[in-house]
Amino acid sequence: MIPINTVNPADTEQTVMTLNGKKRNLHRNDFLKIADTRSMEITFAWEIIDRLKEYKSELIWKMEESYLADELKERLILLIEERINSI
């Protein structure tokens, strides 16, 4: 699956469904609030977020090594960096 933002940059939504009442500009606190409403231990939610941040370089490497067109690779890498940095 390819995020629609990479194919259609005019589409500003980050998700199909709302998360914490939002479809864009999602940040760490939005994910923590979702975890809280789902009765998830807050420390476990932090652990998941931190683990995702640890995988950032691996995700970027996988995009660089993929068979996607170079322009699409660049857009996906920017999207990965932008979204992981926002949390």
C-alpha atoms as a PDB file:
ATOM      1  CA  MET A   1       0.000   0.000   0.000  1.00  0.00           C
ATOM      2  CA  ILE A   2       1.235   3.449  -0.899  1.00  0.00           C
ATOM      3  CA  PRO A   3       0.051   6.473   1.101  1.00  0.00           C
ATOM      4  CA  ILE A   4      -2.177   8.620  -1.095  1.00  0.00           C
ATOM      5  CA  ASN A   5      -0.089  11.711  -0.202  1.00  0.00           C
ATOM      6  CA  THR A   6       2.783  10.365  -2.309  1.00  0.00           C
ATOM      7  CA  VAL A   7       0.601   9.937  -5.395  1.00  0.00           C
ATOM      8  CA  ASN A   8      -1.650  12.942  -4.832  1.00  0.00           C
ATOM      9  CA  PRO A   9       0.185  15.598  -2.786  1.00  0.00           C
ATOM     10  CA  ALA A  10      -2.961  17.750  -2.766  1.00  0.00           C
ATOM     11  CA  ASP A  11      -4.600  15.230  -0.408  1.00  0.00           C
ATOM     12  CA  THR A  12      -3.725  16.500   3.068  1.00  0.00           C
ATOM     13  CA  GLU A  13      -5.274  13.707   5.129  1.00  0.00           C
ATOM     14  CA  GLN A  14      -2.871  11.311   6.833  1.00  0.00           C
ATOM     15  CA  THR A  15      -5.405   8.597   7.633  1.00  0.00           C
ATOM     16  CA  VAL A  16      -8.630   7.244   6.200  1.00  0.00           C
ATOM     17  CA  MET A  17     -10.276   7.063   9.615  1.00  0.00           C
ATOM     18  CA  THR A  18     -10.097   9.711  12.303  1.00  0.00           C
ATOM     19  CA  LEU A  19      -7.660   9.200  15.170  1.00  0.00           C
ATOM     20  CA  ASN A  20      -8.447  11.208  18.249  1.00  0.00           C
ATOM     21  CA  GLY A  21     -10.934  13.152  16.103  1.00  0.00           C
ATOM     22  CA  LYS A  22      -8.283  14.087  13.528  1.00  0.00           C
ATOM     23  CA  LYS A  23      -7.181  12.928  10.085  1.00  0.00           C
ATOM     24  CA  ARG A  24      -3.998  15.004   9.902  1.00  0.00           C
ATOM     25  CA  ASN A  25      -1.414  16.749  12.071  1.00  0.00           C
ATOM     26  CA  LEU A  26      -1.173  13.702  14.309  1.00  0.00           C
ATOM     27  CA  HIS A  27       1.361  13.932  17.121  1.00  0.00           C
ATOM     28  CA  ARG A  28       2.568  11.820  20.035  1.00  0.00           C
ATOM     29  CA  ASN A  29      -0.169  13.093  22.380  1.00  0.00           C
ATOM     30  CA  ASP A  30      -2.878  11.966  19.930  1.00  0.00           C
ATOM     31  CA  PHE A  31      -1.531   8.406  19.992  1.00  0.00           C
ATOM     32  CA  LEU A  32      -1.150   8.467  23.761  1.00  0.00           C
ATOM     33  CA  LYS A  33      -4.755   9.627  24.141  1.00  0.00           C
ATOM     34  CA  ILE A  34      -5.916   6.782  21.873  1.00  0.00           C
ATOM     35  CA  ALA A  35      -3.939   4.330  24.005  1.00  0.00           C
ATOM     36  CA  ASP A  36      -5.556   5.739  27.137  1.00  0.00           C
ATOM     37  CA  THR A  37      -9.097   5.446  25.747  1.00  0.00           C
ATOM     38  CA  ARG A  38      -8.318   1.811  24.810  1.00  0.00           C
ATOM     39  CA  SER A  39      -7.124   1.095  28.371  1.00  0.00           C
ATOM     40  CA  MET A  40      -3.563   0.488  27.183  1.00  0.00           C
ATOM     41  CA  GLU A  41      -0.783   0.952  29.699  1.00  0.00           C
ATOM     42  CA  ILE A  42       0.787   4.333  28.934  1.00  0.00           C
ATOM     43  CA  THR A  43       4.289   2.900  29.346  1.00  0.00           C
ATOM     44  CA  PHE A  44       3.468   0.288  26.689  1.00  0.00           C
ATOM     45  CA  ALA A  45       2.263   3.039  24.332  1.00  0.00           C
ATOM     46  CA  TRP A  46       5.521   4.949  24.875  1.00  0.00           C
ATOM     47  CA  GLU A  47       7.456   1.745  24.156  1.00  0.00           C
ATOM     48  CA  ILE A  48       5.645   1.247  20.840  1.00  0.00           C
ATOM     49  CA  ILE A  49       6.309   4.844  19.782  1.00  0.00           C
ATOM     50  CA  ASP A  50       9.976   4.600  20.758  1.00  0.00           C
ATOM     51  CA  ARG A  51      10.344   1.307  18.888  1.00  0.00           C
ATOM     52  CA  LEU A  52       8.866   2.874  15.759  1.00  0.00           C
ATOM     53  CA  LYS A  53      11.393   5.699  15.993  1.00  0.00           C
ATOM     54  CA  GLU A  54      14.196   3.130  16.278  1.00  0.00           C
ATOM     55  CA  TYR A  55      13.087   1.548  12.980  1.00  0.00           C
ATOM     56  CA  LYS A  56      13.185   4.842  11.079  1.00  0.00           C
ATOM     57  CA  SER A  57      16.563   4.223   9.434  1.00  0.00           C
ATOM     58  CA  GLU A  58      15.563   0.677   8.480  1.00  0.00           C
ATOM     59  CA  LEU A  59      12.324   1.898   6.888  1.00  0.00           C
ATOM     60  CA  ILE A  60      14.250   4.506   4.901  1.00  0.00           C
ATOM     61  CA  TRP A  61      16.810   1.918   3.819  1.00  0.00           C
ATOM     62  CA  LYS A  62      14.012  -0.401   2.613  1.00  0.00           C
ATOM     63  CA  MET A  63      12.552   2.444   0.546  1.00  0.00           C
ATOM     64  CA  GLU A  64      15.957   3.225  -0.970  1.00  0.00           C
ATOM     65  CA  GLU A  65      16.433  -0.448  -1.926  1.00  0.00           C
ATOM     66  CA  SER A  66      12.923  -0.890  -3.314  1.00  0.00           C
ATOM     67  CA  TYR A  67      12.022  -1.162  -6.986  1.00  0.00           C
ATOM     68  CA  LEU A  68       9.809   1.908  -6.856  1.00  0.00           C
ATOM     69  CA  ALA A  69      10.426   4.845  -9.172  1.00  0.00           C
ATOM     70  CA  ASP A  70      13.028   7.256  -7.759  1.00  0.00           C
ATOM     71  CA  GLU A  71      10.512  10.100  -7.433  1.00  0.00           C
ATOM     72  CA  LEU A  72       8.134   7.897  -5.440  1.00  0.00           C
ATOM     73  CA  LYS A  73      10.989   6.668  -3.253  1.00  0.00           C
ATOM     74  CA  GLU A  74      11.926  10.260  -2.423  1.00  0.00           C
ATOM     75  CA  ARG A  75       8.347  11.144  -1.532  1.00  0.00           C
ATOM     76  CA  LEU A  76       7.966   8.059   0.670  1.00  0.00           C
ATOM     77  CA  ILE A  77      11.240   8.746   2.467  1.00  0.00           C
ATOM     78  CA  LEU A  78      10.153  12.328   3.167  1.00  0.00           C
ATOM     79  CA  LEU A  79       6.796  11.056   4.399  1.00  0.00           C
ATOM     80  CA  ILE A  80       8.449   8.518   6.730  1.00  0.00           C
ATOM     81  CA  GLU A  81      10.763  11.180   8.144  1.00  0.00           C
ATOM     82  CA  GLU A  82       7.953  13.706   8.557  1.00  0.00           C
ATOM     83  CA  ARG A  83       5.571  11.327  10.304  1.00  0.00           C
ATOM     84  CA  ILE A  84       8.095   9.688  12.593  1.00  0.00           C
ATOM     85  CA  ASN A  85       9.559  13.071  13.555  1.00  0.00           C
ATOM     86  CA  SER A  86       6.074  14.313  14.468  1.00  0.00           C
ATOM     87  CA  ILE A  87       5.703  11.645  17.129  1.00  0.00           C
END
